[in-house]
Amino acid sequence: MNAPIANLTPTSIPQLLRLKQVQEHTGISRSTIYSMMNPKARAYDPTFPKSIQLSPRTVAWVAAELEAWIVAKAAAGRG
């Protein structure tokens, strides 16, 4: 269950990253990011964090989820 907003402290509010920031953190292009999120695409990665719709034309990703994904990919790559 989510905590009510009144109980959130500034440090408990998740940081959101916009697409450019996701690209900078991962080194992955915009089209590949969206392909990784599309189950019908060859590049689909079910472990890639889902975006959050902020408005009809704006999405963002939770920074902690993206960081966890990067750490898991790095660990898997080092076998």
Protein backbone atom coordinates (compact mmCIF):
# COMPACT_ATOMS: atom_id res chain seq x y z
CA MET A 1 0.00 0.00 0.00
CA ASN A 2 1.32 3.46 -0.84
CA ALA A 3 2.00 5.95 1.91
CA PRO A 4 -0.26 9.01 1.92
CA ILE A 5 1.44 12.08 0.48
CA ALA A 6 1.20 13.85 3.84
CA ASN A 7 3.54 11.21 5.33
CA LEU A 8 6.24 11.55 2.67
CA THR A 9 9.48 13.25 3.51
CA PRO A 10 11.57 14.97 0.83
CA THR A 11 13.98 12.03 0.82
CA SER A 12 11.21 9.44 0.41
CA ILE A 13 9.73 11.01 -2.73
CA PRO A 14 10.99 9.00 -5.70
CA GLN A 15 13.21 10.90 -8.10
CA LEU A 16 11.91 10.81 -11.66
CA LEU A 17 14.10 10.80 -14.74
CA ARG A 18 13.01 12.10 -18.12
CA LEU A 19 13.98 10.37 -21.35
CA LYS A 20 17.18 12.39 -21.92
CA GLN A 21 18.36 11.51 -18.42
CA VAL A 22 17.58 7.82 -18.99
CA GLN A 23 19.59 7.99 -22.22
CA GLU A 24 22.51 9.63 -20.39
CA HIS A 25 22.46 7.09 -17.54
CA THR A 26 22.21 4.04 -19.77
CA GLY A 27 23.92 5.09 -23.00
CA ILE A 28 20.91 3.65 -24.86
CA SER A 29 19.15 5.52 -27.66
CA ARG A 30 15.56 6.74 -27.49
CA SER A 31 14.32 4.20 -30.04
CA THR A 32 16.04 1.31 -28.26
CA ILE A 33 14.57 2.36 -24.90
CA TYR A 34 11.07 2.26 -26.38
CA SER A 35 11.83 -1.03 -28.15
CA MET A 36 12.95 -2.52 -24.83
CA MET A 37 9.54 -1.58 -23.41
CA ASN A 38 7.56 -3.04 -26.36
CA PRO A 39 6.70 -6.75 -26.00
CA LYS A 40 6.41 -7.05 -29.80
CA ALA A 41 9.92 -5.68 -30.47
CA ARG A 42 13.05 -7.80 -30.90
CA ALA A 43 14.85 -5.69 -28.30
CA TYR A 44 12.11 -6.24 -25.69
CA ASP A 45 13.49 -6.59 -22.17
CA PRO A 46 10.83 -7.42 -19.57
CA THR A 47 13.25 -6.39 -16.83
CA PHE A 48 13.58 -2.82 -18.14
CA PRO A 49 11.74 -0.39 -15.82
CA LYS A 50 8.31 0.75 -16.94
CA SER A 51 7.77 4.44 -17.56
CA ILE A 52 5.20 6.50 -15.66
CA GLN A 53 2.75 8.64 -17.62
CA LEU A 54 2.90 12.16 -16.13
CA SER A 55 0.71 13.83 -18.73
CA PRO A 56 -0.60 12.91 -22.18
CA ARG A 57 2.79 13.69 -23.75
CA THR A 58 5.17 13.26 -20.83
CA VAL A 59 6.69 10.13 -19.32
CA ALA A 60 9.38 9.54 -16.71
CA TRP A 61 11.14 6.64 -15.03
CA VAL A 62 11.75 6.10 -11.30
CA ALA A 63 15.47 6.67 -10.79
CA ALA A 64 15.84 3.88 -8.20
CA GLU A 65 14.26 1.34 -10.56
CA LEU A 66 16.56 2.36 -13.39
CA GLU A 67 19.60 2.22 -11.11
CA ALA A 68 18.63 -1.28 -9.93
CA TRP A 69 18.24 -2.40 -13.57
CA ILE A 70 21.70 -1.01 -14.44
CA VAL A 71 23.29 -2.77 -11.46
CA ALA A 72 21.60 -6.07 -12.38
CA LYS A 73 22.74 -5.77 -16.01
CA ALA A 74 26.30 -4.98 -14.92
CA ALA A 75 26.35 -7.95 -12.54
CA ALA A 76 24.94 -10.30 -15.20
CA GLY A 77 27.45 -9.04 -17.75
CA ARG A 78 30.35 -9.87 -15.46
CA GLY A 79 28.95 -13.36 -14.94
